[in-house]
Amino acid sequence: MQQIHSLKEFLDSYGPSLANRVNDELEVIHDPLNDEHRDMDQILNGLNKKPFAVQKEVIKAVVKSFKTGNRSVYITAEMGSGKTLMGIASALLLRKRPRVLVMCPPHQVRKWIKEIKETVPSAKVINLNGRHCISMLQGLRSASTPIRAEFYVIGKERAKTTFQWRPPQPGQALSDPFLTTAGLH
């Protein structure tokens, strides 16, 4: 067996076979070299904060992935590569007037709010890190369809600690969806 000492040597040795395996086993949803989406480009070019060409292609891939039935999509990239902008733009392309819940690390809440306002000044942006976040979210259940894009931003730690967990009482009706049913079968 050949001794490999660096990533370059590994990729030189196994790169072609790894690429073939990826091509054989994964379905390509978006090919930036062959897929044109002028409708998406038109919306992306209308944003106040314009994504770079590579970011546009990631956004299109995210949207196409959701539209093919995937229930979750991950954007993984280096810090500073524009993941926040790509997330905002993806939501706007998926729905004309989306209602979006953003759960992010606590230190990113203000950054998300600032970036949403810079990208889509007409959007409604709500910081859910206050005391009344649960009642605000409950109010959305009966809210009508948004007349503009709405973004609700909460830090993940706040989301974990704000919810008041209450075990159900024996014989209690479980009509409140915020009431946990843990332990009941």
C-alpha atoms as a PDB file:
ATOM      1  CA  MET A   1       0.000   0.000   0.000  1.00  0.00           C
ATOM      2  CA  GLN A   2       1.212   3.445  -0.952  1.00  0.00           C
ATOM      3  CA  GLN A   3       2.226   5.835   1.853  1.00  0.00           C
ATOM      4  CA  ILE A   4       0.352   9.172   1.586  1.00  0.00           C
ATOM      5  CA  HIS A   5       1.753  12.198   3.404  1.00  0.00           C
ATOM      6  CA  SER A   6      -0.416  15.113   2.329  1.00  0.00           C
ATOM      7  CA  LEU A   7      -3.902  16.043   1.214  1.00  0.00           C
ATOM      8  CA  LYS A   8      -2.528  16.828  -2.236  1.00  0.00           C
ATOM      9  CA  GLU A   9      -1.120  13.309  -2.555  1.00  0.00           C
ATOM     10  CA  PHE A  10      -4.422  11.841  -1.365  1.00  0.00           C
ATOM     11  CA  LEU A  11      -6.433  13.855  -3.893  1.00  0.00           C
ATOM     12  CA  ASP A  12      -3.966  13.068  -6.675  1.00  0.00           C
ATOM     13  CA  SER A  13      -4.289   9.368  -5.893  1.00  0.00           C
ATOM     14  CA  TYR A  14      -7.987   9.057  -5.105  1.00  0.00           C
ATOM     15  CA  GLY A  15      -9.590  12.215  -6.500  1.00  0.00           C
ATOM     16  CA  PRO A  16     -10.790  10.780  -9.825  1.00  0.00           C
ATOM     17  CA  SER A  17     -12.344   7.678  -8.224  1.00  0.00           C
ATOM     18  CA  LEU A  18     -14.006   9.809  -5.503  1.00  0.00           C
ATOM     19  CA  ALA A  19     -15.431  12.147  -8.157  1.00  0.00           C
ATOM     20  CA  ASN A  20     -16.817   9.202 -10.121  1.00  0.00           C
ATOM     21  CA  ARG A  21     -18.448   7.774  -7.015  1.00  0.00           C
ATOM     22  CA  VAL A  22     -20.054  11.120  -6.132  1.00  0.00           C
ATOM     23  CA  ASN A  23     -21.395  11.441  -9.687  1.00  0.00           C
ATOM     24  CA  ASP A  24     -22.788   7.909  -9.581  1.00  0.00           C
ATOM     25  CA  GLU A  25     -24.465   8.154  -6.169  1.00  0.00           C
ATOM     26  CA  LEU A  26     -25.718  11.726  -5.887  1.00  0.00           C
ATOM     27  CA  GLU A  27     -28.392  13.464  -7.933  1.00  0.00           C
ATOM     28  CA  VAL A  28     -27.379  16.831  -9.335  1.00  0.00           C
ATOM     29  CA  ILE A  29     -30.126  19.336  -8.578  1.00  0.00           C
ATOM     30  CA  HIS A  30     -28.468  22.468  -9.921  1.00  0.00           C
ATOM     31  CA  ASP A  31     -25.758  22.781 -12.540  1.00  0.00           C
ATOM     32  CA  PRO A  32     -24.587  26.410 -12.695  1.00  0.00           C
ATOM     33  CA  LEU A  33     -22.983  25.871 -16.096  1.00  0.00           C
ATOM     34  CA  ASN A  34     -26.151  24.585 -17.758  1.00  0.00           C
ATOM     35  CA  ASP A  35     -29.140  25.827 -15.740  1.00  0.00           C
ATOM     36  CA  GLU A  36     -30.497  29.309 -16.383  1.00  0.00           C
ATOM     37  CA  HIS A  37     -33.082  30.888 -14.150  1.00  0.00           C
ATOM     38  CA  ARG A  38     -33.765  34.413 -15.293  1.00  0.00           C
ATOM     39  CA  ASP A  39     -36.767  34.694 -12.973  1.00  0.00           C
ATOM     40  CA  MET A  40     -34.551  34.029  -9.950  1.00  0.00           C
ATOM     41  CA  ASP A  41     -31.821  36.326 -11.283  1.00  0.00           C
ATOM     42  CA  GLN A  42     -34.336  39.138 -11.652  1.00  0.00           C
ATOM     43  CA  ILE A  43     -35.369  38.883  -7.989  1.00  0.00           C
ATOM     44  CA  LEU A  44     -31.767  38.531  -6.782  1.00  0.00           C
ATOM     45  CA  ASN A  45     -30.693  41.566  -8.806  1.00  0.00           C
ATOM     46  CA  GLY A  46     -33.510  43.564  -7.187  1.00  0.00           C
ATOM     47  CA  LEU A  47     -32.171  43.117  -3.663  1.00  0.00           C
ATOM     48  CA  ASN A  48     -30.490  46.108  -2.031  1.00  0.00           C
ATOM     49  CA  LYS A  49     -27.554  43.934  -1.077  1.00  0.00           C
ATOM     50  CA  LYS A  50     -26.628  42.016  -4.210  1.00  0.00           C
ATOM     51  CA  PRO A  51     -25.215  38.486  -3.934  1.00  0.00           C
ATOM     52  CA  PHE A  52     -22.026  37.679  -5.823  1.00  0.00           C
ATOM     53  CA  ALA A  53     -22.254  35.273  -8.776  1.00  0.00           C
ATOM     54  CA  VAL A  54     -21.213  32.216  -6.747  1.00  0.00           C
ATOM     55  CA  GLN A  55     -23.651  33.135  -3.962  1.00  0.00           C
ATOM     56  CA  LYS A  56     -26.445  33.392  -6.563  1.00  0.00           C
ATOM     57  CA  GLU A  57     -25.753  29.855  -7.701  1.00  0.00           C
ATOM     58  CA  VAL A  58     -25.843  28.543  -4.122  1.00  0.00           C
ATOM     59  CA  ILE A  59     -29.152  30.373  -3.572  1.00  0.00           C
ATOM     60  CA  LYS A  60     -30.621  28.841  -6.741  1.00  0.00           C
ATOM     61  CA  ALA A  61     -29.462  25.382  -5.662  1.00  0.00           C
ATOM     62  CA  VAL A  62     -31.081  25.826  -2.234  1.00  0.00           C
ATOM     63  CA  VAL A  63     -34.384  26.925  -3.777  1.00  0.00           C
ATOM     64  CA  LYS A  64     -34.374  24.091  -6.310  1.00  0.00           C
ATOM     65  CA  SER A  65     -33.565  21.589  -3.571  1.00  0.00           C
ATOM     66  CA  PHE A  66     -36.574  22.687  -1.516  1.00  0.00           C
ATOM     67  CA  LYS A  67     -38.795  22.679  -4.590  1.00  0.00           C
ATOM     68  CA  THR A  68     -37.815  19.071  -5.359  1.00  0.00           C
ATOM     69  CA  GLY A  69     -39.160  18.025  -1.971  1.00  0.00           C
ATOM     70  CA  ASN A  70     -36.187  18.229   0.359  1.00  0.00           C
ATOM     71  CA  ARG A  71     -37.323  19.387   3.787  1.00  0.00           C
ATOM     72  CA  SER A  72     -33.972  20.792   4.859  1.00  0.00           C
ATOM     73  CA  VAL A  73     -30.918  22.199   3.143  1.00  0.00           C
ATOM     74  CA  TYR A  74     -27.597  23.132   4.692  1.00  0.00           C
ATOM     75  CA  ILE A  75     -25.394  25.960   3.481  1.00  0.00           C
ATOM     76  CA  THR A  76     -21.932  25.254   4.801  1.00  0.00           C
ATOM     77  CA  ALA A  77     -19.209  27.755   4.035  1.00  0.00           C
ATOM     78  CA  GLU A  78     -16.410  29.729   5.600  1.00  0.00           C
ATOM     79  CA  MET A  79     -17.093  32.641   7.937  1.00  0.00           C
ATOM     80  CA  GLY A  80     -17.678  35.789   5.909  1.00  0.00           C
ATOM     81  CA  SER A  81     -18.810  33.983   2.759  1.00  0.00           C
ATOM     82  CA  GLY A  82     -22.353  35.380   2.903  1.00  0.00           C
ATOM     83  CA  LYS A  83     -24.395  32.540   4.409  1.00  0.00           C
ATOM     84  CA  THR A  84     -26.793  35.017   6.045  1.00  0.00           C
ATOM     85  CA  LEU A  85     -27.444  36.808   2.756  1.00  0.00           C
ATOM     86  CA  MET A  86     -27.894  33.460   0.980  1.00  0.00           C
ATOM     87  CA  GLY A  87     -30.440  32.372   3.602  1.00  0.00           C
ATOM     88  CA  ILE A  88     -32.414  35.618   3.299  1.00  0.00           C
ATOM     89  CA  ALA A  89     -32.432  35.493  -0.499  1.00  0.00           C
ATOM     90  CA  SER A  90     -33.432  31.808  -0.520  1.00  0.00           C
ATOM     91  CA  ALA A  91     -36.481  32.569   1.628  1.00  0.00           C
ATOM     92  CA  LEU A  92     -37.482  35.407  -0.695  1.00  0.00           C
ATOM     93  CA  LEU A  93     -37.226  33.155  -3.753  1.00  0.00           C
ATOM     94  CA  LEU A  94     -39.263  30.376  -2.174  1.00  0.00           C
ATOM     95  CA  ARG A  95     -42.216  32.675  -1.428  1.00  0.00           C
ATOM     96  CA  LYS A  96     -43.169  36.130  -2.573  1.00  0.00           C
ATOM     97  CA  ARG A  97     -43.976  37.284   0.970  1.00  0.00           C
ATOM     98  CA  PRO A  98     -42.415  34.714   3.296  1.00  0.00           C
ATOM     99  CA  ARG A  99     -42.897  34.444   7.034  1.00  0.00           C
ATOM    100  CA  VAL A 100     -39.532  33.183   8.281  1.00  0.00           C
ATOM    101  CA  LEU A 101     -38.359  32.088  11.718  1.00  0.00           C
ATOM    102  CA  VAL A 102     -34.593  32.477  12.016  1.00  0.00           C
ATOM    103  CA  MET A 103     -32.945  30.604  14.878  1.00  0.00           C
ATOM    104  CA  CYS A 104     -29.290  31.493  15.180  1.00  0.00           C
ATOM    105  CA  PRO A 105     -26.526  31.677  17.778  1.00  0.00           C
ATOM    106  CA  PRO A 106     -27.294  34.486  20.264  1.00  0.00           C
ATOM    107  CA  HIS A 107     -24.374  36.631  19.153  1.00  0.00           C
ATOM    108  CA  GLN A 108     -25.730  36.555  15.564  1.00  0.00           C
ATOM    109  CA  VAL A 109     -29.249  37.911  16.273  1.00  0.00           C
ATOM    110  CA  ARG A 110     -28.355  41.581  15.721  1.00  0.00           C
ATOM    111  CA  LYS A 111     -26.285  40.692  12.642  1.00  0.00           C
ATOM    112  CA  TRP A 112     -29.245  38.837  11.081  1.00  0.00           C
ATOM    113  CA  ILE A 113     -31.594  41.732  11.833  1.00  0.00           C
ATOM    114  CA  LYS A 114     -29.158  44.272  10.380  1.00  0.00           C
ATOM    115  CA  GLU A 115     -28.504  42.191   7.273  1.00  0.00           C
ATOM    116  CA  ILE A 116     -32.218  41.563   6.619  1.00  0.00           C
ATOM    117  CA  LYS A 117     -32.932  45.304   6.888  1.00  0.00           C
ATOM    118  CA  GLU A 118     -30.035  46.117   4.540  1.00  0.00           C
ATOM    119  CA  THR A 119     -31.045  43.473   2.000  1.00  0.00           C
ATOM    120  CA  VAL A 120     -34.829  43.930   2.066  1.00  0.00           C
ATOM    121  CA  PRO A 121     -35.688  47.320   3.620  1.00  0.00           C
ATOM    122  CA  SER A 122     -39.424  46.697   3.151  1.00  0.00           C
ATOM    123  CA  ALA A 123     -39.324  43.517   5.265  1.00  0.00           C
ATOM    124  CA  LYS A 124     -40.830  43.359   8.731  1.00  0.00           C
ATOM    125  CA  VAL A 125     -38.093  42.228  11.117  1.00  0.00           C
ATOM    126  CA  ILE A 126     -38.875  41.231  14.713  1.00  0.00           C
ATOM    127  CA  ASN A 127     -36.348  40.412  17.425  1.00  0.00           C
ATOM    128  CA  LEU A 128     -37.861  37.559  19.454  1.00  0.00           C
ATOM    129  CA  ASN A 129     -35.274  37.684  22.224  1.00  0.00           C
ATOM    130  CA  GLY A 130     -37.676  39.626  24.463  1.00  0.00           C
ATOM    131  CA  ARG A 131     -39.908  38.312  27.252  1.00  0.00           C
ATOM    132  CA  HIS A 132     -43.016  37.886  25.142  1.00  0.00           C
ATOM    133  CA  CYS A 133     -41.650  35.789  22.290  1.00  0.00           C
ATOM    134  CA  ILE A 134     -43.987  32.817  22.888  1.00  0.00           C
ATOM    135  CA  SER A 135     -47.111  34.995  22.875  1.00  0.00           C
ATOM    136  CA  MET A 136     -45.878  36.705  19.710  1.00  0.00           C
ATOM    137  CA  LEU A 137     -45.386  33.338  18.022  1.00  0.00           C
ATOM    138  CA  GLN A 138     -48.773  32.111  19.218  1.00  0.00           C
ATOM    139  CA  GLY A 139     -50.331  35.242  17.688  1.00  0.00           C
ATOM    140  CA  LEU A 140     -48.905  34.255  14.302  1.00  0.00           C
ATOM    141  CA  ARG A 141     -51.155  31.190  14.239  1.00  0.00           C
ATOM    142  CA  SER A 142     -54.195  33.323  13.587  1.00  0.00           C
ATOM    143  CA  ALA A 143     -52.386  36.006  11.590  1.00  0.00           C
ATOM    144  CA  SER A 144     -53.409  36.563   8.013  1.00  0.00           C
ATOM    145  CA  THR A 145     -51.086  36.045   5.067  1.00  0.00           C
ATOM    146  CA  PRO A 146     -48.197  38.520   5.263  1.00  0.00           C
ATOM    147  CA  ILE A 147     -48.453  41.625   3.078  1.00  0.00           C
ATOM    148  CA  ARG A 148     -44.649  41.831   2.985  1.00  0.00           C
ATOM    149  CA  ALA A 149     -41.750  39.567   3.911  1.00  0.00           C
ATOM    150  CA  GLU A 150     -41.604  38.888   7.652  1.00  0.00           C
ATOM    151  CA  PHE A 151     -38.528  37.665   9.522  1.00  0.00           C
ATOM    152  CA  TYR A 152     -38.655  36.669  13.198  1.00  0.00           C
ATOM    153  CA  VAL A 153     -35.170  36.277  14.671  1.00  0.00           C
ATOM    154  CA  ILE A 154     -34.403  34.442  17.917  1.00  0.00           C
ATOM    155  CA  GLY A 155     -31.210  33.223  19.509  1.00  0.00           C
ATOM    156  CA  LYS A 156     -31.159  29.462  19.927  1.00  0.00           C
ATOM    157  CA  GLU A 157     -30.420  29.718  23.659  1.00  0.00           C
ATOM    158  CA  ARG A 158     -33.410  32.011  24.158  1.00  0.00           C
ATOM    159  CA  ALA A 159     -35.577  29.604  22.169  1.00  0.00           C
ATOM    160  CA  LYS A 160     -34.536  26.747  24.455  1.00  0.00           C
ATOM    161  CA  THR A 161     -35.058  28.603  27.737  1.00  0.00           C
ATOM    162  CA  THR A 162     -38.194  30.625  26.950  1.00  0.00           C
ATOM    163  CA  PHE A 163     -40.579  27.745  26.410  1.00  0.00           C
ATOM    164  CA  GLN A 164     -42.389  26.736  29.591  1.00  0.00           C
ATOM    165  CA  TRP A 165     -42.562  22.934  29.640  1.00  0.00           C
ATOM    166  CA  ARG A 166     -45.546  21.542  31.505  1.00  0.00           C
ATOM    167  CA  PRO A 167     -46.262  17.830  31.777  1.00  0.00           C
ATOM    168  CA  PRO A 168     -49.881  16.902  30.983  1.00  0.00           C
ATOM    169  CA  GLN A 169     -52.139  16.063  33.895  1.00  0.00           C
ATOM    170  CA  PRO A 170     -53.920  12.698  33.876  1.00  0.00           C
ATOM    171  CA  GLY A 171     -57.157  13.011  31.902  1.00  0.00           C
ATOM    172  CA  GLN A 172     -56.273  16.484  30.599  1.00  0.00           C
ATOM    173  CA  ALA A 173     -57.266  17.204  26.985  1.00  0.00           C
ATOM    174  CA  LEU A 174     -54.240  17.787  24.793  1.00  0.00           C
ATOM    175  CA  SER A 175     -55.726  20.589  22.717  1.00  0.00           C
ATOM    176  CA  ASP A 176     -52.864  23.003  23.376  1.00  0.00           C
ATOM    177  CA  PRO A 177     -50.078  22.163  20.891  1.00  0.00           C
ATOM    178  CA  PHE A 178     -47.578  23.932  23.153  1.00  0.00           C
ATOM    179  CA  LEU A 179     -48.342  21.356  25.851  1.00  0.00           C
ATOM    180  CA  THR A 180     -45.898  18.506  25.642  1.00  0.00           C
ATOM    181  CA  THR A 181     -47.082  14.932  25.418  1.00  0.00           C
ATOM    182  CA  ALA A 182     -43.796  13.429  26.533  1.00  0.00           C
ATOM    183  CA  GLY A 183     -44.286  10.168  28.317  1.00  0.00           C
ATOM    184  CA  LEU A 184     -47.790   9.517  26.957  1.00  0.00           C
ATOM    185  CA  HIS A 185     -48.238   6.618  24.556  1.00  0.00           C
END
